[in-house]
């Protein structure tokens, strides 16, 4: 078991969604390597007003590819690396992990 994750650490928010909202579900492989700001920028840059299934699939693929590239980059301060440093753990770069992204409208 990873020393950073435990079952008690899971987020269980209750959110109200309305027609047209986008819902992003992902494993930590995305969030450990790509900042929330960059995820938002990628989604916004690739989203048209008529978000079709193929558009959402494309955005998911772009996010997975970005997370995968950053996971192998030893020269970045990934979100995972920043959290590790806040906890006095030496970690540099991305974090190799499984990466799954689901986007629904």
C-alpha atoms as a PDB file:
ATOM      1  CA  UNK A   1       0.000   0.000   0.000  1.00  0.00           C
ATOM      2  CA  UNK A   2       1.267   3.416  -0.926  1.00  0.00           C
ATOM      3  CA  UNK A   3       2.212   5.451   2.137  1.00  0.00           C
ATOM      4  CA  UNK A   4       0.258   8.441   0.788  1.00  0.00           C
ATOM      5  CA  UNK A   5      -3.093   6.740   0.208  1.00  0.00           C
ATOM      6  CA  UNK A   6      -5.493   5.052   2.584  1.00  0.00           C
ATOM      7  CA  UNK A   7      -9.210   4.248   2.377  1.00  0.00           C
ATOM      8  CA  UNK A   8      -9.900   7.076   4.810  1.00  0.00           C
ATOM      9  CA  UNK A   9      -8.403   9.583   2.348  1.00  0.00           C
ATOM     10  CA  UNK A  10     -11.095   9.072  -0.287  1.00  0.00           C
ATOM     11  CA  UNK A  11     -13.221  12.061  -1.261  1.00  0.00           C
ATOM     12  CA  UNK A  12     -16.972  11.423  -1.139  1.00  0.00           C
ATOM     13  CA  UNK A  13     -18.589  14.707  -2.098  1.00  0.00           C
ATOM     14  CA  UNK A  14     -22.260  15.092  -2.874  1.00  0.00           C
ATOM     15  CA  UNK A  15     -22.707  17.445  -5.795  1.00  0.00           C
ATOM     16  CA  UNK A  16     -25.770  18.750  -7.550  1.00  0.00           C
ATOM     17  CA  UNK A  17     -25.405  18.486 -11.306  1.00  0.00           C
ATOM     18  CA  UNK A  18     -27.517  20.130 -13.955  1.00  0.00           C
ATOM     19  CA  UNK A  19     -28.044  19.450 -17.619  1.00  0.00           C
ATOM     20  CA  UNK A  20     -24.903  20.364 -19.547  1.00  0.00           C
ATOM     21  CA  UNK A  21     -22.422  19.888 -16.692  1.00  0.00           C
ATOM     22  CA  UNK A  22     -19.249  17.957 -17.433  1.00  0.00           C
ATOM     23  CA  UNK A  23     -18.225  15.282 -14.965  1.00  0.00           C
ATOM     24  CA  UNK A  24     -14.582  14.209 -14.853  1.00  0.00           C
ATOM     25  CA  UNK A  25     -13.744  10.961 -13.079  1.00  0.00           C
ATOM     26  CA  UNK A  26     -10.161   9.813 -12.902  1.00  0.00           C
ATOM     27  CA  UNK A  27      -7.661   7.714 -11.050  1.00  0.00           C
ATOM     28  CA  UNK A  28      -4.930   9.498  -9.145  1.00  0.00           C
ATOM     29  CA  UNK A  29      -2.572   8.925 -12.067  1.00  0.00           C
ATOM     30  CA  UNK A  30      -4.079  12.050 -13.624  1.00  0.00           C
ATOM     31  CA  UNK A  31      -4.225  14.232 -10.521  1.00  0.00           C
ATOM     32  CA  UNK A  32      -0.758  13.204  -9.274  1.00  0.00           C
ATOM     33  CA  UNK A  33       0.812  14.427 -12.502  1.00  0.00           C
ATOM     34  CA  UNK A  34      -1.351  17.207 -13.951  1.00  0.00           C
ATOM     35  CA  UNK A  35      -2.417  20.256 -11.950  1.00  0.00           C
ATOM     36  CA  UNK A  36      -6.094  21.126 -11.690  1.00  0.00           C
ATOM     37  CA  UNK A  37      -5.365  24.374 -13.538  1.00  0.00           C
ATOM     38  CA  UNK A  38      -3.819  22.514 -16.479  1.00  0.00           C
ATOM     39  CA  UNK A  39      -6.681  19.978 -16.549  1.00  0.00           C
ATOM     40  CA  UNK A  40      -9.151  22.856 -16.751  1.00  0.00           C
ATOM     41  CA  UNK A  41      -7.132  24.550 -19.500  1.00  0.00           C
ATOM     42  CA  UNK A  42      -6.956  21.356 -21.568  1.00  0.00           C
ATOM     43  CA  UNK A  43     -10.681  20.754 -21.190  1.00  0.00           C
ATOM     44  CA  UNK A  44     -11.572  24.357 -22.059  1.00  0.00           C
ATOM     45  CA  UNK A  45      -9.244  24.448 -25.087  1.00  0.00           C
ATOM     46  CA  UNK A  46     -10.704  21.247 -26.535  1.00  0.00           C
ATOM     47  CA  UNK A  47     -14.372  21.757 -25.700  1.00  0.00           C
ATOM     48  CA  UNK A  48     -16.884  23.098 -28.162  1.00  0.00           C
ATOM     49  CA  UNK A  49     -20.434  24.106 -27.307  1.00  0.00           C
ATOM     50  CA  UNK A  50     -21.693  20.881 -28.852  1.00  0.00           C
ATOM     51  CA  UNK A  51     -19.706  18.407 -26.766  1.00  0.00           C
ATOM     52  CA  UNK A  52     -20.274  15.190 -28.654  1.00  0.00           C
ATOM     53  CA  UNK A  53     -19.168  11.762 -27.516  1.00  0.00           C
ATOM     54  CA  UNK A  54     -16.133  11.998 -29.816  1.00  0.00           C
ATOM     55  CA  UNK A  55     -15.189  15.409 -28.374  1.00  0.00           C
ATOM     56  CA  UNK A  56     -15.335  14.068 -24.815  1.00  0.00           C
ATOM     57  CA  UNK A  57     -13.356  10.986 -25.882  1.00  0.00           C
ATOM     58  CA  UNK A  58     -10.729  13.262 -27.459  1.00  0.00           C
ATOM     59  CA  UNK A  59     -10.421  15.352 -24.278  1.00  0.00           C
ATOM     60  CA  UNK A  60     -10.026  12.200 -22.163  1.00  0.00           C
ATOM     61  CA  UNK A  61      -7.296  10.949 -24.500  1.00  0.00           C
ATOM     62  CA  UNK A  62      -5.458  14.314 -24.396  1.00  0.00           C
ATOM     63  CA  UNK A  63      -5.564  14.272 -20.572  1.00  0.00           C
ATOM     64  CA  UNK A  64      -4.276  10.680 -20.394  1.00  0.00           C
ATOM     65  CA  UNK A  65      -1.426  11.412 -22.810  1.00  0.00           C
ATOM     66  CA  UNK A  66      -0.447  14.549 -20.876  1.00  0.00           C
ATOM     67  CA  UNK A  67      -0.485  12.699 -17.546  1.00  0.00           C
ATOM     68  CA  UNK A  68       1.558   9.861 -19.024  1.00  0.00           C
ATOM     69  CA  UNK A  69       4.170  12.253 -20.428  1.00  0.00           C
ATOM     70  CA  UNK A  70       4.471  14.143 -17.135  1.00  0.00           C
ATOM     71  CA  UNK A  71       4.621  10.916 -15.116  1.00  0.00           C
ATOM     72  CA  UNK A  72       7.954  10.135 -16.775  1.00  0.00           C
ATOM     73  CA  UNK A  73       9.376  13.670 -16.522  1.00  0.00           C
ATOM     74  CA  UNK A  74      11.952  13.843 -13.720  1.00  0.00           C
ATOM     75  CA  UNK A  75      12.373  17.620 -14.063  1.00  0.00           C
ATOM     76  CA  UNK A  76       8.918  18.845 -13.059  1.00  0.00           C
ATOM     77  CA  UNK A  77       7.312  19.587  -9.752  1.00  0.00           C
ATOM     78  CA  UNK A  78       4.206  17.474 -10.219  1.00  0.00           C
ATOM     79  CA  UNK A  79       1.270  17.814  -7.821  1.00  0.00           C
ATOM     80  CA  UNK A  80       2.482  14.541  -6.244  1.00  0.00           C
ATOM     81  CA  UNK A  81       6.028  15.881  -5.835  1.00  0.00           C
ATOM     82  CA  UNK A  82       4.773  19.094  -4.244  1.00  0.00           C
ATOM     83  CA  UNK A  83       2.663  17.141  -1.733  1.00  0.00           C
ATOM     84  CA  UNK A  84       5.606  14.861  -0.941  1.00  0.00           C
ATOM     85  CA  UNK A  85       7.863  17.846  -0.288  1.00  0.00           C
ATOM     86  CA  UNK A  86       5.230  19.380   1.998  1.00  0.00           C
ATOM     87  CA  UNK A  87       5.489  16.157   4.009  1.00  0.00           C
ATOM     88  CA  UNK A  88       9.324  16.225   4.110  1.00  0.00           C
ATOM     89  CA  UNK A  89       9.673  13.443   1.555  1.00  0.00           C
ATOM     90  CA  UNK A  90      12.230  13.859  -1.195  1.00  0.00           C
ATOM     91  CA  UNK A  91      10.476  13.357  -4.513  1.00  0.00           C
ATOM     92  CA  UNK A  92      11.155  14.979  -7.824  1.00  0.00           C
ATOM     93  CA  UNK A  93       9.295  14.761 -11.083  1.00  0.00           C
ATOM     94  CA  UNK A  94       6.150  12.942 -12.006  1.00  0.00           C
ATOM     95  CA  UNK A  95       4.782   9.709 -10.622  1.00  0.00           C
ATOM     96  CA  UNK A  96       4.278   6.617 -12.767  1.00  0.00           C
ATOM     97  CA  UNK A  97       0.852   5.180 -12.047  1.00  0.00           C
ATOM     98  CA  UNK A  98      -2.241   3.858 -13.761  1.00  0.00           C
ATOM     99  CA  UNK A  99      -4.142   6.608 -15.554  1.00  0.00           C
ATOM    100  CA  UNK A 100      -7.851   6.339 -16.287  1.00  0.00           C
ATOM    101  CA  UNK A 101     -10.036   9.274 -17.331  1.00  0.00           C
ATOM    102  CA  UNK A 102     -13.805   9.283 -17.875  1.00  0.00           C
ATOM    103  CA  UNK A 103     -15.666  12.403 -18.954  1.00  0.00           C
ATOM    104  CA  UNK A 104     -19.443  12.530 -19.106  1.00  0.00           C
ATOM    105  CA  UNK A 105     -21.962  15.221 -19.920  1.00  0.00           C
END
